[in-house]
Amino acid sequence: MQRIDWEDPKKKGEAYAYLAKVFGVKKSAVSLAMSFKRNSLKAAQMRSVAICELGAKLLSDSGSEVRSTKILDSKGNVVKVVTFK
C-alpha cells in the first residue's frame, strides 16, 4: 500500500488546506488522493505538488508483504514452498 504523508501533523494539516485551496477541492478529496484511493489527473497533480513542493514523503510497504510460491515438478506435484518476506 502506498501513501503520501508528512512527519509533522501540523505541516500535514497546512498542506491539505493549501492543496484544497489551490486545486479547488475539499480536504477529503486531498486525503483520498494522498492515500492513492483516487487516481485522476488532479489527484496525480496533488501528489506531485505534495512531494516536490510541500516536503511530503512517499511511504510504501510493498516490500513487506509475505508471499509464498510453490515449486512444482514436471507432473504438477508440489516439491517445495518458498516464502518471500
N, C-alpha and C. Protein backbone atom coordinates (compact mmCIF):
# COMPACT_ATOMS: atom_id res chain seq x y z
N MET A 1 0.84 -1.17 0.00
CA MET A 1 0.00 0.00 0.00
C MET A 1 0.89 1.24 0.00
N GLN A 2 0.57 2.16 -0.87
CA GLN A 2 1.32 3.39 -0.93
C GLN A 2 0.53 4.51 -0.25
N ARG A 3 1.28 5.48 0.27
CA ARG A 3 0.64 6.62 0.92
C ARG A 3 1.65 7.77 0.95
N ILE A 4 1.16 8.96 0.80
CA ILE A 4 1.99 10.14 0.92
C ILE A 4 1.66 10.79 2.26
N ASP A 5 2.72 11.04 3.06
CA ASP A 5 2.49 11.54 4.41
C ASP A 5 3.60 12.51 4.80
N TRP A 6 3.35 13.25 5.85
CA TRP A 6 4.30 14.21 6.42
C TRP A 6 4.68 13.73 7.81
N GLU A 7 5.88 14.12 8.26
CA GLU A 7 6.33 13.74 9.59
C GLU A 7 5.62 14.53 10.67
N ASP A 8 5.34 15.80 10.40
CA ASP A 8 4.71 16.69 11.38
C ASP A 8 3.22 16.82 11.06
N PRO A 9 2.34 16.48 12.00
CA PRO A 9 0.90 16.60 11.74
C PRO A 9 0.44 18.02 11.45
N LYS A 10 1.12 19.01 12.01
CA LYS A 10 0.76 20.40 11.74
C LYS A 10 1.03 20.75 10.28
N LYS A 11 2.19 20.32 9.76
CA LYS A 11 2.51 20.56 8.36
C LYS A 11 1.55 19.82 7.44
N LYS A 12 1.10 18.65 7.88
CA LYS A 12 0.16 17.87 7.08
C LYS A 12 -1.17 18.62 6.94
N GLY A 13 -1.65 19.17 8.03
CA GLY A 13 -2.89 19.93 8.00
C GLY A 13 -2.79 21.17 7.12
N GLU A 14 -1.66 21.86 7.24
CA GLU A 14 -1.43 23.04 6.42
C GLU A 14 -1.33 22.68 4.93
N ALA A 15 -0.66 21.56 4.65
CA ALA A 15 -0.51 21.12 3.26
C ALA A 15 -1.86 20.71 2.67
N TYR A 16 -2.69 20.01 3.46
CA TYR A 16 -4.02 19.62 2.97
C TYR A 16 -4.85 20.86 2.67
N ALA A 17 -4.79 21.87 3.54
CA ALA A 17 -5.54 23.11 3.31
C ALA A 17 -5.04 23.82 2.06
N TYR A 18 -3.73 23.87 1.89
CA TYR A 18 -3.14 24.52 0.73
C TYR A 18 -3.55 23.81 -0.56
N LEU A 19 -3.44 22.48 -0.57
CA LEU A 19 -3.80 21.71 -1.77
C LEU A 19 -5.28 21.85 -2.09
N ALA A 20 -6.12 21.86 -1.06
CA ALA A 20 -7.56 22.02 -1.28
C ALA A 20 -7.86 23.38 -1.90
N LYS A 21 -7.18 24.40 -1.44
CA LYS A 21 -7.40 25.75 -1.96
C LYS A 21 -6.89 25.88 -3.40
N VAL A 22 -5.69 25.37 -3.66
CA VAL A 22 -5.08 25.50 -4.98
C VAL A 22 -5.86 24.73 -6.04
N PHE A 23 -6.28 23.51 -5.71
CA PHE A 23 -6.95 22.67 -6.70
C PHE A 23 -8.47 22.79 -6.67
N GLY A 24 -9.01 23.57 -5.74
CA GLY A 24 -10.45 23.79 -5.69
C GLY A 24 -11.25 22.57 -5.31
N VAL A 25 -10.73 21.79 -4.34
CA VAL A 25 -11.42 20.60 -3.86
C VAL A 25 -11.53 20.66 -2.35
N LYS A 26 -12.22 19.68 -1.77
CA LYS A 26 -12.34 19.60 -0.32
C LYS A 26 -11.15 18.82 0.25
N LYS A 27 -10.97 18.94 1.56
CA LYS A 27 -9.87 18.23 2.21
C LYS A 27 -10.03 16.71 2.09
N SER A 28 -11.27 16.23 2.04
CA SER A 28 -11.48 14.79 1.90
C SER A 28 -10.97 14.29 0.55
N ALA A 29 -11.09 15.10 -0.49
CA ALA A 29 -10.57 14.72 -1.81
C ALA A 29 -9.04 14.67 -1.79
N VAL A 30 -8.44 15.60 -1.05
CA VAL A 30 -6.98 15.59 -0.90
C VAL A 30 -6.54 14.34 -0.16
N SER A 31 -7.27 13.98 0.88
CA SER A 31 -6.94 12.78 1.65
C SER A 31 -7.02 11.52 0.79
N LEU A 32 -8.05 11.43 -0.02
CA LEU A 32 -8.19 10.27 -0.91
C LEU A 32 -7.07 10.23 -1.94
N ALA A 33 -6.64 11.38 -2.41
CA ALA A 33 -5.54 11.43 -3.38
C ALA A 33 -4.23 11.01 -2.72
N MET A 34 -3.99 11.43 -1.48
CA MET A 34 -2.74 11.11 -0.79
C MET A 34 -2.66 9.63 -0.40
N SER A 35 -3.80 8.99 -0.25
CA SER A 35 -3.80 7.56 0.08
C SER A 35 -3.96 6.68 -1.15
N PHE A 36 -3.87 7.28 -2.35
CA PHE A 36 -3.94 6.58 -3.63
C PHE A 36 -5.27 5.87 -3.83
N LYS A 37 -6.34 6.36 -3.20
CA LYS A 37 -7.66 5.79 -3.42
C LYS A 37 -8.34 6.46 -4.60
N ARG A 38 -7.82 7.58 -5.06
CA ARG A 38 -8.28 8.26 -6.27
C ARG A 38 -7.08 8.38 -7.20
N ASN A 39 -7.30 8.09 -8.47
CA ASN A 39 -6.19 8.10 -9.41
C ASN A 39 -6.53 8.92 -10.65
N SER A 40 -7.05 10.11 -10.44
CA SER A 40 -7.36 11.00 -11.55
C SER A 40 -6.15 11.88 -11.85
N LEU A 41 -6.25 12.67 -12.89
CA LEU A 41 -5.17 13.59 -13.24
C LEU A 41 -4.95 14.62 -12.13
N LYS A 42 -6.04 15.13 -11.57
CA LYS A 42 -5.94 16.12 -10.50
C LYS A 42 -5.30 15.49 -9.25
N ALA A 43 -5.64 14.24 -8.95
CA ALA A 43 -5.04 13.55 -7.80
C ALA A 43 -3.55 13.35 -8.00
N ALA A 44 -3.14 13.00 -9.21
CA ALA A 44 -1.72 12.82 -9.51
C ALA A 44 -0.98 14.15 -9.39
N GLN A 45 -1.62 15.24 -9.83
CA GLN A 45 -1.01 16.56 -9.71
C GLN A 45 -0.87 16.95 -8.25
N MET A 46 -1.88 16.65 -7.43
CA MET A 46 -1.79 16.96 -6.00
C MET A 46 -0.65 16.20 -5.35
N ARG A 47 -0.50 14.92 -5.70
CA ARG A 47 0.58 14.12 -5.13
C ARG A 47 1.94 14.68 -5.54
N SER A 48 2.05 15.10 -6.79
CA SER A 48 3.31 15.66 -7.28
C SER A 48 3.67 16.95 -6.55
N VAL A 49 2.71 17.83 -6.37
CA VAL A 49 2.96 19.08 -5.65
C VAL A 49 3.32 18.79 -4.19
N ALA A 50 2.65 17.82 -3.59
CA ALA A 50 2.92 17.47 -2.20
C ALA A 50 4.36 16.99 -2.01
N ILE A 51 4.83 16.19 -2.93
CA ILE A 51 6.19 15.65 -2.80
C ILE A 51 7.23 16.69 -3.18
N CYS A 52 7.03 17.37 -4.30
CA CYS A 52 8.05 18.30 -4.80
C CYS A 52 8.13 19.61 -4.03
N GLU A 53 6.98 20.16 -3.64
CA GLU A 53 6.98 21.50 -3.07
C GLU A 53 6.66 21.56 -1.58
N LEU A 54 5.93 20.59 -1.06
CA LEU A 54 5.46 20.69 0.32
C LEU A 54 6.18 19.76 1.30
N GLY A 55 7.19 19.04 0.84
CA GLY A 55 8.00 18.23 1.74
C GLY A 55 7.39 16.93 2.19
N ALA A 56 6.47 16.38 1.41
CA ALA A 56 5.87 15.10 1.76
C ALA A 56 6.78 13.95 1.34
N LYS A 57 6.54 12.79 1.91
CA LYS A 57 7.32 11.60 1.57
C LYS A 57 6.38 10.49 1.12
N LEU A 58 6.82 9.73 0.14
CA LEU A 58 6.06 8.59 -0.35
C LEU A 58 6.41 7.39 0.51
N LEU A 59 5.41 6.84 1.19
CA LEU A 59 5.60 5.67 2.02
C LEU A 59 5.05 4.46 1.28
N SER A 60 5.80 3.39 1.28
CA SER A 60 5.37 2.18 0.58
C SER A 60 5.77 0.97 1.40
N ASP A 61 4.84 0.07 1.56
CA ASP A 61 5.15 -1.16 2.29
C ASP A 61 5.02 -2.38 1.39
N SER A 62 5.19 -2.19 0.09
CA SER A 62 5.05 -3.31 -0.85
C SER A 62 6.13 -4.36 -0.63
N GLY A 63 7.30 -3.96 -0.14
CA GLY A 63 8.37 -4.93 0.11
C GLY A 63 8.15 -5.75 1.35
N SER A 64 7.18 -5.40 2.18
CA SER A 64 6.98 -6.11 3.43
C SER A 64 5.90 -7.19 3.34
N GLU A 65 5.36 -7.40 2.15
CA GLU A 65 4.35 -8.44 2.01
C GLU A 65 5.00 -9.82 2.10
N VAL A 66 4.30 -10.72 2.73
CA VAL A 66 4.77 -12.08 2.83
C VAL A 66 4.03 -12.90 1.78
N ARG A 67 4.79 -13.46 0.84
CA ARG A 67 4.17 -14.24 -0.22
C ARG A 67 4.85 -15.59 -0.27
N SER A 68 4.07 -16.61 -0.60
CA SER A 68 4.65 -17.93 -0.76
C SER A 68 4.47 -18.39 -2.20
N THR A 69 5.48 -19.09 -2.70
CA THR A 69 5.46 -19.61 -4.07
C THR A 69 5.71 -21.10 -4.01
N LYS A 70 4.92 -21.83 -4.77
CA LYS A 70 5.07 -23.28 -4.82
C LYS A 70 5.96 -23.66 -6.00
N ILE A 71 6.90 -24.55 -5.74
CA ILE A 71 7.76 -25.08 -6.79
C ILE A 71 7.23 -26.47 -7.15
N LEU A 72 6.92 -26.64 -8.42
CA LEU A 72 6.30 -27.88 -8.88
C LEU A 72 7.29 -28.69 -9.70
N ASP A 73 7.08 -30.01 -9.72
CA ASP A 73 7.85 -30.86 -10.62
C ASP A 73 7.13 -30.94 -11.97
N SER A 74 7.63 -31.77 -12.88
CA SER A 74 7.06 -31.84 -14.23
C SER A 74 5.64 -32.39 -14.26
N LYS A 75 5.22 -33.09 -13.21
CA LYS A 75 3.88 -33.67 -13.16
C LYS A 75 2.88 -32.78 -12.40
N GLY A 76 3.35 -31.66 -11.89
CA GLY A 76 2.47 -30.74 -11.18
C GLY A 76 2.39 -30.96 -9.69
N ASN A 77 3.23 -31.84 -9.16
CA ASN A 77 3.27 -32.08 -7.72
C ASN A 77 4.11 -31.02 -7.02
N VAL A 78 3.67 -30.60 -5.83
CA VAL A 78 4.40 -29.60 -5.08
C VAL A 78 5.66 -30.23 -4.50
N VAL A 79 6.81 -29.66 -4.86
CA VAL A 79 8.09 -30.15 -4.38
C VAL A 79 8.54 -29.34 -3.17
N LYS A 80 8.33 -28.02 -3.24
CA LYS A 80 8.84 -27.15 -2.20
C LYS A 80 7.99 -25.88 -2.18
N VAL A 81 7.85 -25.28 -1.00
CA VAL A 81 7.16 -23.99 -0.85
C VAL A 81 8.19 -22.98 -0.34
N VAL A 82 8.36 -21.89 -1.10
CA VAL A 82 9.32 -20.85 -0.76
C VAL A 82 8.53 -19.63 -0.31
N THR A 83 8.92 -19.04 0.84
CA THR A 83 8.24 -17.87 1.38
C THR A 83 9.15 -16.66 1.24
N PHE A 84 8.63 -15.60 0.61
CA PHE A 84 9.35 -14.34 0.45
C PHE A 84 8.82 -13.33 1.45
N LYS A 85 9.74 -12.65 2.14
CA LYS A 85 9.34 -11.63 3.11
C LYS A 85 9.74 -10.27 2.61
